[in-house]
């Protein structure tokens, strides 16, 4: 179930660092 969730949540596979600000 966790694997299914992760596939549906591209924010988790994203390797970019977070800023706390809205993306463009």
PDBML (XML) file of the C-alpha atoms, coordinates in Angstrom:
<?xml version="1.0" encoding="UTF-8" ?>
<PDBx:datablock datablockName="MODEL"
   xmlns:PDBx="http://pdbml.pdb.org/schema/pdbx-v50.xsd"
   xmlns:xsi="http://www.w3.org/2001/XMLSchema-instance"
   xsi:schemaLocation="http://pdbml.pdb.org/schema/pdbx-v50.xsd pdbx-v50.xsd">
   <PDBx:atom_siteCategory>
      <PDBx:atom_site id="1">
         <PDBx:B_iso_or_equiv>0.00</PDBx:B_iso_or_equiv>
         <PDBx:Cartn_x>0.000</PDBx:Cartn_x>
         <PDBx:Cartn_y>0.000</PDBx:Cartn_y>
         <PDBx:Cartn_z>0.000</PDBx:Cartn_z>
         <PDBx:auth_asym_id>A</PDBx:auth_asym_id>
         <PDBx:auth_atom_id>CA</PDBx:auth_atom_id>
         <PDBx:auth_comp_id>UNK</PDBx:auth_comp_id>
         <PDBx:auth_seq_id>1</PDBx:auth_seq_id>
         <PDBx:group_PDB>ATOM</PDBx:group_PDB>
         <PDBx:label_alt_id xsi:nil="true" />
         <PDBx:label_asym_id>A</PDBx:label_asym_id>
         <PDBx:label_atom_id>CA</PDBx:label_atom_id>
         <PDBx:label_comp_id>UNK</PDBx:label_comp_id>
         <PDBx:label_entity_id>1</PDBx:label_entity_id>
         <PDBx:label_seq_id>1</PDBx:label_seq_id>
         <PDBx:occupancy>1.00</PDBx:occupancy>
         <PDBx:pdbx_PDB_model_num>1</PDBx:pdbx_PDB_model_num>
         <PDBx:type_symbol>C</PDBx:type_symbol>
      </PDBx:atom_site>
      <PDBx:atom_site id="2">
         <PDBx:B_iso_or_equiv>0.00</PDBx:B_iso_or_equiv>
         <PDBx:Cartn_x>2.876</PDBx:Cartn_x>
         <PDBx:Cartn_y>2.362</PDBx:Cartn_y>
         <PDBx:Cartn_z>0.742</PDBx:Cartn_z>
         <PDBx:auth_asym_id>A</PDBx:auth_asym_id>
         <PDBx:auth_atom_id>CA</PDBx:auth_atom_id>
         <PDBx:auth_comp_id>UNK</PDBx:auth_comp_id>
         <PDBx:auth_seq_id>2</PDBx:auth_seq_id>
         <PDBx:group_PDB>ATOM</PDBx:group_PDB>
         <PDBx:label_alt_id xsi:nil="true" />
         <PDBx:label_asym_id>A</PDBx:label_asym_id>
         <PDBx:label_atom_id>CA</PDBx:label_atom_id>
         <PDBx:label_comp_id>UNK</PDBx:label_comp_id>
         <PDBx:label_entity_id>1</PDBx:label_entity_id>
         <PDBx:label_seq_id>2</PDBx:label_seq_id>
         <PDBx:occupancy>1.00</PDBx:occupancy>
         <PDBx:pdbx_PDB_model_num>1</PDBx:pdbx_PDB_model_num>
         <PDBx:type_symbol>C</PDBx:type_symbol>
      </PDBx:atom_site>
      <PDBx:atom_site id="3">
         <PDBx:B_iso_or_equiv>0.00</PDBx:B_iso_or_equiv>
         <PDBx:Cartn_x>4.335</PDBx:Cartn_x>
         <PDBx:Cartn_y>1.611</PDBx:Cartn_y>
         <PDBx:Cartn_z>-2.681</PDBx:Cartn_z>
         <PDBx:auth_asym_id>A</PDBx:auth_asym_id>
         <PDBx:auth_atom_id>CA</PDBx:auth_atom_id>
         <PDBx:auth_comp_id>UNK</PDBx:auth_comp_id>
         <PDBx:auth_seq_id>3</PDBx:auth_seq_id>
         <PDBx:group_PDB>ATOM</PDBx:group_PDB>
         <PDBx:label_alt_id xsi:nil="true" />
         <PDBx:label_asym_id>A</PDBx:label_asym_id>
         <PDBx:label_atom_id>CA</PDBx:label_atom_id>
         <PDBx:label_comp_id>UNK</PDBx:label_comp_id>
         <PDBx:label_entity_id>1</PDBx:label_entity_id>
         <PDBx:label_seq_id>3</PDBx:label_seq_id>
         <PDBx:occupancy>1.00</PDBx:occupancy>
         <PDBx:pdbx_PDB_model_num>1</PDBx:pdbx_PDB_model_num>
         <PDBx:type_symbol>C</PDBx:type_symbol>
      </PDBx:atom_site>
      <PDBx:atom_site id="4">
         <PDBx:B_iso_or_equiv>0.00</PDBx:B_iso_or_equiv>
         <PDBx:Cartn_x>1.008</PDBx:Cartn_x>
         <PDBx:Cartn_y>2.437</PDBx:Cartn_y>
         <PDBx:Cartn_z>-4.344</PDBx:Cartn_z>
         <PDBx:auth_asym_id>A</PDBx:auth_asym_id>
         <PDBx:auth_atom_id>CA</PDBx:auth_atom_id>
         <PDBx:auth_comp_id>UNK</PDBx:auth_comp_id>
         <PDBx:auth_seq_id>4</PDBx:auth_seq_id>
         <PDBx:group_PDB>ATOM</PDBx:group_PDB>
         <PDBx:label_alt_id xsi:nil="true" />
         <PDBx:label_asym_id>A</PDBx:label_asym_id>
         <PDBx:label_atom_id>CA</PDBx:label_atom_id>
         <PDBx:label_comp_id>UNK</PDBx:label_comp_id>
         <PDBx:label_entity_id>1</PDBx:label_entity_id>
         <PDBx:label_seq_id>4</PDBx:label_seq_id>
         <PDBx:occupancy>1.00</PDBx:occupancy>
         <PDBx:pdbx_PDB_model_num>1</PDBx:pdbx_PDB_model_num>
         <PDBx:type_symbol>C</PDBx:type_symbol>
      </PDBx:atom_site>
      <PDBx:atom_site id="5">
         <PDBx:B_iso_or_equiv>0.00</PDBx:B_iso_or_equiv>
         <PDBx:Cartn_x>0.834</PDBx:Cartn_x>
         <PDBx:Cartn_y>5.685</PDBx:Cartn_y>
         <PDBx:Cartn_z>-2.392</PDBx:Cartn_z>
         <PDBx:auth_asym_id>A</PDBx:auth_asym_id>
         <PDBx:auth_atom_id>CA</PDBx:auth_atom_id>
         <PDBx:auth_comp_id>UNK</PDBx:auth_comp_id>
         <PDBx:auth_seq_id>5</PDBx:auth_seq_id>
         <PDBx:group_PDB>ATOM</PDBx:group_PDB>
         <PDBx:label_alt_id xsi:nil="true" />
         <PDBx:label_asym_id>A</PDBx:label_asym_id>
         <PDBx:label_atom_id>CA</PDBx:label_atom_id>
         <PDBx:label_comp_id>UNK</PDBx:label_comp_id>
         <PDBx:label_entity_id>1</PDBx:label_entity_id>
         <PDBx:label_seq_id>5</PDBx:label_seq_id>
         <PDBx:occupancy>1.00</PDBx:occupancy>
         <PDBx:pdbx_PDB_model_num>1</PDBx:pdbx_PDB_model_num>
         <PDBx:type_symbol>C</PDBx:type_symbol>
      </PDBx:atom_site>
      <PDBx:atom_site id="6">
         <PDBx:B_iso_or_equiv>0.00</PDBx:B_iso_or_equiv>
         <PDBx:Cartn_x>4.377</PDBx:Cartn_x>
         <PDBx:Cartn_y>6.651</PDBx:Cartn_y>
         <PDBx:Cartn_z>-3.348</PDBx:Cartn_z>
         <PDBx:auth_asym_id>A</PDBx:auth_asym_id>
         <PDBx:auth_atom_id>CA</PDBx:auth_atom_id>
         <PDBx:auth_comp_id>UNK</PDBx:auth_comp_id>
         <PDBx:auth_seq_id>6</PDBx:auth_seq_id>
         <PDBx:group_PDB>ATOM</PDBx:group_PDB>
         <PDBx:label_alt_id xsi:nil="true" />
         <PDBx:label_asym_id>A</PDBx:label_asym_id>
         <PDBx:label_atom_id>CA</PDBx:label_atom_id>
         <PDBx:label_comp_id>UNK</PDBx:label_comp_id>
         <PDBx:label_entity_id>1</PDBx:label_entity_id>
         <PDBx:label_seq_id>6</PDBx:label_seq_id>
         <PDBx:occupancy>1.00</PDBx:occupancy>
         <PDBx:pdbx_PDB_model_num>1</PDBx:pdbx_PDB_model_num>
         <PDBx:type_symbol>C</PDBx:type_symbol>
      </PDBx:atom_site>
      <PDBx:atom_site id="7">
         <PDBx:B_iso_or_equiv>0.00</PDBx:B_iso_or_equiv>
         <PDBx:Cartn_x>3.700</PDBx:Cartn_x>
         <PDBx:Cartn_y>6.069</PDBx:Cartn_y>
         <PDBx:Cartn_z>-7.044</PDBx:Cartn_z>
         <PDBx:auth_asym_id>A</PDBx:auth_asym_id>
         <PDBx:auth_atom_id>CA</PDBx:auth_atom_id>
         <PDBx:auth_comp_id>UNK</PDBx:auth_comp_id>
         <PDBx:auth_seq_id>7</PDBx:auth_seq_id>
         <PDBx:group_PDB>ATOM</PDBx:group_PDB>
         <PDBx:label_alt_id xsi:nil="true" />
         <PDBx:label_asym_id>A</PDBx:label_asym_id>
         <PDBx:label_atom_id>CA</PDBx:label_atom_id>
         <PDBx:label_comp_id>UNK</PDBx:label_comp_id>
         <PDBx:label_entity_id>1</PDBx:label_entity_id>
         <PDBx:label_seq_id>7</PDBx:label_seq_id>
         <PDBx:occupancy>1.00</PDBx:occupancy>
         <PDBx:pdbx_PDB_model_num>1</PDBx:pdbx_PDB_model_num>
         <PDBx:type_symbol>C</PDBx:type_symbol>
      </PDBx:atom_site>
      <PDBx:atom_site id="8">
         <PDBx:B_iso_or_equiv>0.00</PDBx:B_iso_or_equiv>
         <PDBx:Cartn_x>0.694</PDBx:Cartn_x>
         <PDBx:Cartn_y>8.407</PDBx:Cartn_y>
         <PDBx:Cartn_z>-6.772</PDBx:Cartn_z>
         <PDBx:auth_asym_id>A</PDBx:auth_asym_id>
         <PDBx:auth_atom_id>CA</PDBx:auth_atom_id>
         <PDBx:auth_comp_id>UNK</PDBx:auth_comp_id>
         <PDBx:auth_seq_id>8</PDBx:auth_seq_id>
         <PDBx:group_PDB>ATOM</PDBx:group_PDB>
         <PDBx:label_alt_id xsi:nil="true" />
         <PDBx:label_asym_id>A</PDBx:label_asym_id>
         <PDBx:label_atom_id>CA</PDBx:label_atom_id>
         <PDBx:label_comp_id>UNK</PDBx:label_comp_id>
         <PDBx:label_entity_id>1</PDBx:label_entity_id>
         <PDBx:label_seq_id>8</PDBx:label_seq_id>
         <PDBx:occupancy>1.00</PDBx:occupancy>
         <PDBx:pdbx_PDB_model_num>1</PDBx:pdbx_PDB_model_num>
         <PDBx:type_symbol>C</PDBx:type_symbol>
      </PDBx:atom_site>
      <PDBx:atom_site id="9">
         <PDBx:B_iso_or_equiv>0.00</PDBx:B_iso_or_equiv>
         <PDBx:Cartn_x>2.689</PDBx:Cartn_x>
         <PDBx:Cartn_y>11.137</PDBx:Cartn_y>
         <PDBx:Cartn_z>-4.995</PDBx:Cartn_z>
         <PDBx:auth_asym_id>A</PDBx:auth_asym_id>
         <PDBx:auth_atom_id>CA</PDBx:auth_atom_id>
         <PDBx:auth_comp_id>UNK</PDBx:auth_comp_id>
         <PDBx:auth_seq_id>9</PDBx:auth_seq_id>
         <PDBx:group_PDB>ATOM</PDBx:group_PDB>
         <PDBx:label_alt_id xsi:nil="true" />
         <PDBx:label_asym_id>A</PDBx:label_asym_id>
         <PDBx:label_atom_id>CA</PDBx:label_atom_id>
         <PDBx:label_comp_id>UNK</PDBx:label_comp_id>
         <PDBx:label_entity_id>1</PDBx:label_entity_id>
         <PDBx:label_seq_id>9</PDBx:label_seq_id>
         <PDBx:occupancy>1.00</PDBx:occupancy>
         <PDBx:pdbx_PDB_model_num>1</PDBx:pdbx_PDB_model_num>
         <PDBx:type_symbol>C</PDBx:type_symbol>
      </PDBx:atom_site>
      <PDBx:atom_site id="10">
         <PDBx:B_iso_or_equiv>0.00</PDBx:B_iso_or_equiv>
         <PDBx:Cartn_x>5.399</PDBx:Cartn_x>
         <PDBx:Cartn_y>12.510</PDBx:Cartn_y>
         <PDBx:Cartn_z>-7.311</PDBx:Cartn_z>
         <PDBx:auth_asym_id>A</PDBx:auth_asym_id>
         <PDBx:auth_atom_id>CA</PDBx:auth_atom_id>
         <PDBx:auth_comp_id>UNK</PDBx:auth_comp_id>
         <PDBx:auth_seq_id>10</PDBx:auth_seq_id>
         <PDBx:group_PDB>ATOM</PDBx:group_PDB>
         <PDBx:label_alt_id xsi:nil="true" />
         <PDBx:label_asym_id>A</PDBx:label_asym_id>
         <PDBx:label_atom_id>CA</PDBx:label_atom_id>
         <PDBx:label_comp_id>UNK</PDBx:label_comp_id>
         <PDBx:label_entity_id>1</PDBx:label_entity_id>
         <PDBx:label_seq_id>10</PDBx:label_seq_id>
         <PDBx:occupancy>1.00</PDBx:occupancy>
         <PDBx:pdbx_PDB_model_num>1</PDBx:pdbx_PDB_model_num>
         <PDBx:type_symbol>C</PDBx:type_symbol>
      </PDBx:atom_site>
      <PDBx:atom_site id="11">
         <PDBx:B_iso_or_equiv>0.00</PDBx:B_iso_or_equiv>
         <PDBx:Cartn_x>6.457</PDBx:Cartn_x>
         <PDBx:Cartn_y>14.956</PDBx:Cartn_y>
         <PDBx:Cartn_z>-4.608</PDBx:Cartn_z>
         <PDBx:auth_asym_id>A</PDBx:auth_asym_id>
         <PDBx:auth_atom_id>CA</PDBx:auth_atom_id>
         <PDBx:auth_comp_id>UNK</PDBx:auth_comp_id>
         <PDBx:auth_seq_id>11</PDBx:auth_seq_id>
         <PDBx:group_PDB>ATOM</PDBx:group_PDB>
         <PDBx:label_alt_id xsi:nil="true" />
         <PDBx:label_asym_id>A</PDBx:label_asym_id>
         <PDBx:label_atom_id>CA</PDBx:label_atom_id>
         <PDBx:label_comp_id>UNK</PDBx:label_comp_id>
         <PDBx:label_entity_id>1</PDBx:label_entity_id>
         <PDBx:label_seq_id>11</PDBx:label_seq_id>
         <PDBx:occupancy>1.00</PDBx:occupancy>
         <PDBx:pdbx_PDB_model_num>1</PDBx:pdbx_PDB_model_num>
         <PDBx:type_symbol>C</PDBx:type_symbol>
      </PDBx:atom_site>
      <PDBx:atom_site id="12">
         <PDBx:B_iso_or_equiv>0.00</PDBx:B_iso_or_equiv>
         <PDBx:Cartn_x>8.117</PDBx:Cartn_x>
         <PDBx:Cartn_y>12.030</PDBx:Cartn_y>
         <PDBx:Cartn_z>-2.810</PDBx:Cartn_z>
         <PDBx:auth_asym_id>A</PDBx:auth_asym_id>
         <PDBx:auth_atom_id>CA</PDBx:auth_atom_id>
         <PDBx:auth_comp_id>UNK</PDBx:auth_comp_id>
         <PDBx:auth_seq_id>12</PDBx:auth_seq_id>
         <PDBx:group_PDB>ATOM</PDBx:group_PDB>
         <PDBx:label_alt_id xsi:nil="true" />
         <PDBx:label_asym_id>A</PDBx:label_asym_id>
         <PDBx:label_atom_id>CA</PDBx:label_atom_id>
         <PDBx:label_comp_id>UNK</PDBx:label_comp_id>
         <PDBx:label_entity_id>1</PDBx:label_entity_id>
         <PDBx:label_seq_id>12</PDBx:label_seq_id>
         <PDBx:occupancy>1.00</PDBx:occupancy>
         <PDBx:pdbx_PDB_model_num>1</PDBx:pdbx_PDB_model_num>
         <PDBx:type_symbol>C</PDBx:type_symbol>
      </PDBx:atom_site>
      <PDBx:atom_site id="13">
         <PDBx:B_iso_or_equiv>0.00</PDBx:B_iso_or_equiv>
         <PDBx:Cartn_x>10.271</PDBx:Cartn_x>
         <PDBx:Cartn_y>10.895</PDBx:Cartn_y>
         <PDBx:Cartn_z>-5.722</PDBx:Cartn_z>
         <PDBx:auth_asym_id>A</PDBx:auth_asym_id>
         <PDBx:auth_atom_id>CA</PDBx:auth_atom_id>
         <PDBx:auth_comp_id>UNK</PDBx:auth_comp_id>
         <PDBx:auth_seq_id>13</PDBx:auth_seq_id>
         <PDBx:group_PDB>ATOM</PDBx:group_PDB>
         <PDBx:label_alt_id xsi:nil="true" />
         <PDBx:label_asym_id>A</PDBx:label_asym_id>
         <PDBx:label_atom_id>CA</PDBx:label_atom_id>
         <PDBx:label_comp_id>UNK</PDBx:label_comp_id>
         <PDBx:label_entity_id>1</PDBx:label_entity_id>
         <PDBx:label_seq_id>13</PDBx:label_seq_id>
         <PDBx:occupancy>1.00</PDBx:occupancy>
         <PDBx:pdbx_PDB_model_num>1</PDBx:pdbx_PDB_model_num>
         <PDBx:type_symbol>C</PDBx:type_symbol>
      </PDBx:atom_site>
      <PDBx:atom_site id="14">
         <PDBx:B_iso_or_equiv>0.00</PDBx:B_iso_or_equiv>
         <PDBx:Cartn_x>11.311</PDBx:Cartn_x>
         <PDBx:Cartn_y>14.485</PDBx:Cartn_y>
         <PDBx:Cartn_z>-6.418</PDBx:Cartn_z>
         <PDBx:auth_asym_id>A</PDBx:auth_asym_id>
         <PDBx:auth_atom_id>CA</PDBx:auth_atom_id>
         <PDBx:auth_comp_id>UNK</PDBx:auth_comp_id>
         <PDBx:auth_seq_id>14</PDBx:auth_seq_id>
         <PDBx:group_PDB>ATOM</PDBx:group_PDB>
         <PDBx:label_alt_id xsi:nil="true" />
         <PDBx:label_asym_id>A</PDBx:label_asym_id>
         <PDBx:label_atom_id>CA</PDBx:label_atom_id>
         <PDBx:label_comp_id>UNK</PDBx:label_comp_id>
         <PDBx:label_entity_id>1</PDBx:label_entity_id>
         <PDBx:label_seq_id>14</PDBx:label_seq_id>
         <PDBx:occupancy>1.00</PDBx:occupancy>
         <PDBx:pdbx_PDB_model_num>1</PDBx:pdbx_PDB_model_num>
         <PDBx:type_symbol>C</PDBx:type_symbol>
      </PDBx:atom_site>
      <PDBx:atom_site id="15">
         <PDBx:B_iso_or_equiv>0.00</PDBx:B_iso_or_equiv>
         <PDBx:Cartn_x>14.996</PDBx:Cartn_x>
         <PDBx:Cartn_y>14.946</PDBx:Cartn_y>
         <PDBx:Cartn_z>-5.546</PDBx:Cartn_z>
         <PDBx:auth_asym_id>A</PDBx:auth_asym_id>
         <PDBx:auth_atom_id>CA</PDBx:auth_atom_id>
         <PDBx:auth_comp_id>UNK</PDBx:auth_comp_id>
         <PDBx:auth_seq_id>15</PDBx:auth_seq_id>
         <PDBx:group_PDB>ATOM</PDBx:group_PDB>
         <PDBx:label_alt_id xsi:nil="true" />
         <PDBx:label_asym_id>A</PDBx:label_asym_id>
         <PDBx:label_atom_id>CA</PDBx:label_atom_id>
         <PDBx:label_comp_id>UNK</PDBx:label_comp_id>
         <PDBx:label_entity_id>1</PDBx:label_entity_id>
         <PDBx:label_seq_id>15</PDBx:label_seq_id>
         <PDBx:occupancy>1.00</PDBx:occupancy>
         <PDBx:pdbx_PDB_model_num>1</PDBx:pdbx_PDB_model_num>
         <PDBx:type_symbol>C</PDBx:type_symbol>
      </PDBx:atom_site>
      <PDBx:atom_site id="16">
         <PDBx:B_iso_or_equiv>0.00</PDBx:B_iso_or_equiv>
         <PDBx:Cartn_x>14.992</PDBx:Cartn_x>
         <PDBx:Cartn_y>18.760</PDBx:Cartn_y>
         <PDBx:Cartn_z>-5.577</PDBx:Cartn_z>
         <PDBx:auth_asym_id>A</PDBx:auth_asym_id>
         <PDBx:auth_atom_id>CA</PDBx:auth_atom_id>
         <PDBx:auth_comp_id>UNK</PDBx:auth_comp_id>
         <PDBx:auth_seq_id>16</PDBx:auth_seq_id>
         <PDBx:group_PDB>ATOM</PDBx:group_PDB>
         <PDBx:label_alt_id xsi:nil="true" />
         <PDBx:label_asym_id>A</PDBx:label_asym_id>
         <PDBx:label_atom_id>CA</PDBx:label_atom_id>
         <PDBx:label_comp_id>UNK</PDBx:label_comp_id>
         <PDBx:label_entity_id>1</PDBx:label_entity_id>
         <PDBx:label_seq_id>16</PDBx:label_seq_id>
         <PDBx:occupancy>1.00</PDBx:occupancy>
         <PDBx:pdbx_PDB_model_num>1</PDBx:pdbx_PDB_model_num>
         <PDBx:type_symbol>C</PDBx:type_symbol>
      </PDBx:atom_site>
      <PDBx:atom_site id="17">
         <PDBx:B_iso_or_equiv>0.00</PDBx:B_iso_or_equiv>
         <PDBx:Cartn_x>15.665</PDBx:Cartn_x>
         <PDBx:Cartn_y>20.486</PDBx:Cartn_y>
         <PDBx:Cartn_z>-2.289</PDBx:Cartn_z>
         <PDBx:auth_asym_id>A</PDBx:auth_asym_id>
         <PDBx:auth_atom_id>CA</PDBx:auth_atom_id>
         <PDBx:auth_comp_id>UNK</PDBx:auth_comp_id>
         <PDBx:auth_seq_id>17</PDBx:auth_seq_id>
         <PDBx:group_PDB>ATOM</PDBx:group_PDB>
         <PDBx:label_alt_id xsi:nil="true" />
         <PDBx:label_asym_id>A</PDBx:label_asym_id>
         <PDBx:label_atom_id>CA</PDBx:label_atom_id>
         <PDBx:label_comp_id>UNK</PDBx:label_comp_id>
         <PDBx:label_entity_id>1</PDBx:label_entity_id>
         <PDBx:label_seq_id>17</PDBx:label_seq_id>
         <PDBx:occupancy>1.00</PDBx:occupancy>
         <PDBx:pdbx_PDB_model_num>1</PDBx:pdbx_PDB_model_num>
         <PDBx:type_symbol>C</PDBx:type_symbol>
      </PDBx:atom_site>
      <PDBx:atom_site id="18">
         <PDBx:B_iso_or_equiv>0.00</PDBx:B_iso_or_equiv>
         <PDBx:Cartn_x>12.710</PDBx:Cartn_x>
         <PDBx:Cartn_y>22.157</PDBx:Cartn_y>
         <PDBx:Cartn_z>-0.586</PDBx:Cartn_z>
         <PDBx:auth_asym_id>A</PDBx:auth_asym_id>
         <PDBx:auth_atom_id>CA</PDBx:auth_atom_id>
         <PDBx:auth_comp_id>UNK</PDBx:auth_comp_id>
         <PDBx:auth_seq_id>18</PDBx:auth_seq_id>
         <PDBx:group_PDB>ATOM</PDBx:group_PDB>
         <PDBx:label_alt_id xsi:nil="true" />
         <PDBx:label_asym_id>A</PDBx:label_asym_id>
         <PDBx:label_atom_id>CA</PDBx:label_atom_id>
         <PDBx:label_comp_id>UNK</PDBx:label_comp_id>
         <PDBx:label_entity_id>1</PDBx:label_entity_id>
         <PDBx:label_seq_id>18</PDBx:label_seq_id>
         <PDBx:occupancy>1.00</PDBx:occupancy>
         <PDBx:pdbx_PDB_model_num>1</PDBx:pdbx_PDB_model_num>
         <PDBx:type_symbol>C</PDBx:type_symbol>
      </PDBx:atom_site>
      <PDBx:atom_site id="19">
         <PDBx:B_iso_or_equiv>0.00</PDBx:B_iso_or_equiv>
         <PDBx:Cartn_x>12.566</PDBx:Cartn_x>
         <PDBx:Cartn_y>25.890</PDBx:Cartn_y>
         <PDBx:Cartn_z>0.103</PDBx:Cartn_z>
         <PDBx:auth_asym_id>A</PDBx:auth_asym_id>
         <PDBx:auth_atom_id>CA</PDBx:auth_atom_id>
         <PDBx:auth_comp_id>UNK</PDBx:auth_comp_id>
         <PDBx:auth_seq_id>19</PDBx:auth_seq_id>
         <PDBx:group_PDB>ATOM</PDBx:group_PDB>
         <PDBx:label_alt_id xsi:nil="true" />
         <PDBx:label_asym_id>A</PDBx:label_asym_id>
         <PDBx:label_atom_id>CA</PDBx:label_atom_id>
         <PDBx:label_comp_id>UNK</PDBx:label_comp_id>
         <PDBx:label_entity_id>1</PDBx:label_entity_id>
         <PDBx:label_seq_id>19</PDBx:label_seq_id>
         <PDBx:occupancy>1.00</PDBx:occupancy>
         <PDBx:pdbx_PDB_model_num>1</PDBx:pdbx_PDB_model_num>
         <PDBx:type_symbol>C</PDBx:type_symbol>
      </PDBx:atom_site>
      <PDBx:atom_site id="20">
         <PDBx:B_iso_or_equiv>0.00</PDBx:B_iso_or_equiv>
         <PDBx:Cartn_x>9.301</PDBx:Cartn_x>
         <PDBx:Cartn_y>26.441</PDBx:Cartn_y>
         <PDBx:Cartn_z>1.954</PDBx:Cartn_z>
         <PDBx:auth_asym_id>A</PDBx:auth_asym_id>
         <PDBx:auth_atom_id>CA</PDBx:auth_atom_id>
         <PDBx:auth_comp_id>UNK</PDBx:auth_comp_id>
         <PDBx:auth_seq_id>20</PDBx:auth_seq_id>
         <PDBx:group_PDB>ATOM</PDBx:group_PDB>
         <PDBx:label_alt_id xsi:nil="true" />
         <PDBx:label_asym_id>A</PDBx:label_asym_id>
         <PDBx:label_atom_id>CA</PDBx:label_atom_id>
         <PDBx:label_comp_id>UNK</PDBx:label_comp_id>
         <PDBx:label_entity_id>1</PDBx:label_entity_id>
         <PDBx:label_seq_id>20</PDBx:label_seq_id>
         <PDBx:occupancy>1.00</PDBx:occupancy>
         <PDBx:pdbx_PDB_model_num>1</PDBx:pdbx_PDB_model_num>
         <PDBx:type_symbol>C</PDBx:type_symbol>
      </PDBx:atom_site>
      <PDBx:atom_site id="21">
         <PDBx:B_iso_or_equiv>0.00</PDBx:B_iso_or_equiv>
         <PDBx:Cartn_x>8.263</PDBx:Cartn_x>
         <PDBx:Cartn_y>28.783</PDBx:Cartn_y>
         <PDBx:Cartn_z>-0.871</PDBx:Cartn_z>
         <PDBx:auth_asym_id>A</PDBx:auth_asym_id>
         <PDBx:auth_atom_id>CA</PDBx:auth_atom_id>
         <PDBx:auth_comp_id>UNK</PDBx:auth_comp_id>
         <PDBx:auth_seq_id>21</PDBx:auth_seq_id>
         <PDBx:group_PDB>ATOM</PDBx:group_PDB>
         <PDBx:label_alt_id xsi:nil="true" />
         <PDBx:label_asym_id>A</PDBx:label_asym_id>
         <PDBx:label_atom_id>CA</PDBx:label_atom_id>
         <PDBx:label_comp_id>UNK</PDBx:label_comp_id>
         <PDBx:label_entity_id>1</PDBx:label_entity_id>
         <PDBx:label_seq_id>21</PDBx:label_seq_id>
         <PDBx:occupancy>1.00</PDBx:occupancy>
         <PDBx:pdbx_PDB_model_num>1</PDBx:pdbx_PDB_model_num>
         <PDBx:type_symbol>C</PDBx:type_symbol>
      </PDBx:atom_site>
      <PDBx:atom_site id="22">
         <PDBx:B_iso_or_equiv>0.00</PDBx:B_iso_or_equiv>
         <PDBx:Cartn_x>5.749</PDBx:Cartn_x>
         <PDBx:Cartn_y>28.216</PDBx:Cartn_y>
         <PDBx:Cartn_z>-3.687</PDBx:Cartn_z>
         <PDBx:auth_asym_id>A</PDBx:auth_asym_id>
         <PDBx:auth_atom_id>CA</PDBx:auth_atom_id>
         <PDBx:auth_comp_id>UNK</PDBx:auth_comp_id>
         <PDBx:auth_seq_id>22</PDBx:auth_seq_id>
         <PDBx:group_PDB>ATOM</PDBx:group_PDB>
         <PDBx:label_alt_id xsi:nil="true" />
         <PDBx:label_asym_id>A</PDBx:label_asym_id>
         <PDBx:label_atom_id>CA</PDBx:label_atom_id>
         <PDBx:label_comp_id>UNK</PDBx:label_comp_id>
         <PDBx:label_entity_id>1</PDBx:label_entity_id>
         <PDBx:label_seq_id>22</PDBx:label_seq_id>
         <PDBx:occupancy>1.00</PDBx:occupancy>
         <PDBx:pdbx_PDB_model_num>1</PDBx:pdbx_PDB_model_num>
         <PDBx:type_symbol>C</PDBx:type_symbol>
      </PDBx:atom_site>
      <PDBx:atom_site id="23">
         <PDBx:B_iso_or_equiv>0.00</PDBx:B_iso_or_equiv>
         <PDBx:Cartn_x>7.301</PDBx:Cartn_x>
         <PDBx:Cartn_y>26.881</PDBx:Cartn_y>
         <PDBx:Cartn_z>-6.896</PDBx:Cartn_z>
         <PDBx:auth_asym_id>A</PDBx:auth_asym_id>
         <PDBx:auth_atom_id>CA</PDBx:auth_atom_id>
         <PDBx:auth_comp_id>UNK</PDBx:auth_comp_id>
         <PDBx:auth_seq_id>23</PDBx:auth_seq_id>
         <PDBx:group_PDB>ATOM</PDBx:group_PDB>
         <PDBx:label_alt_id xsi:nil="true" />
         <PDBx:label_asym_id>A</PDBx:label_asym_id>
         <PDBx:label_atom_id>CA</PDBx:label_atom_id>
         <PDBx:label_comp_id>UNK</PDBx:label_comp_id>
         <PDBx:label_entity_id>1</PDBx:label_entity_id>
         <PDBx:label_seq_id>23</PDBx:label_seq_id>
         <PDBx:occupancy>1.00</PDBx:occupancy>
         <PDBx:pdbx_PDB_model_num>1</PDBx:pdbx_PDB_model_num>
         <PDBx:type_symbol>C</PDBx:type_symbol>
      </PDBx:atom_site>
      <PDBx:atom_site id="24">
         <PDBx:B_iso_or_equiv>0.00</PDBx:B_iso_or_equiv>
         <PDBx:Cartn_x>6.891</PDBx:Cartn_x>
         <PDBx:Cartn_y>28.892</PDBx:Cartn_y>
         <PDBx:Cartn_z>-10.067</PDBx:Cartn_z>
         <PDBx:auth_asym_id>A</PDBx:auth_asym_id>
         <PDBx:auth_atom_id>CA</PDBx:auth_atom_id>
         <PDBx:auth_comp_id>UNK</PDBx:auth_comp_id>
         <PDBx:auth_seq_id>24</PDBx:auth_seq_id>
         <PDBx:group_PDB>ATOM</PDBx:group_PDB>
         <PDBx:label_alt_id xsi:nil="true" />
         <PDBx:label_asym_id>A</PDBx:label_asym_id>
         <PDBx:label_atom_id>CA</PDBx:label_atom_id>
         <PDBx:label_comp_id>UNK</PDBx:label_comp_id>
         <PDBx:label_entity_id>1</PDBx:label_entity_id>
         <PDBx:label_seq_id>24</PDBx:label_seq_id>
         <PDBx:occupancy>1.00</PDBx:occupancy>
         <PDBx:pdbx_PDB_model_num>1</PDBx:pdbx_PDB_model_num>
         <PDBx:type_symbol>C</PDBx:type_symbol>
      </PDBx:atom_site>
   </PDBx:atom_siteCategory>
</PDBx:datablock>
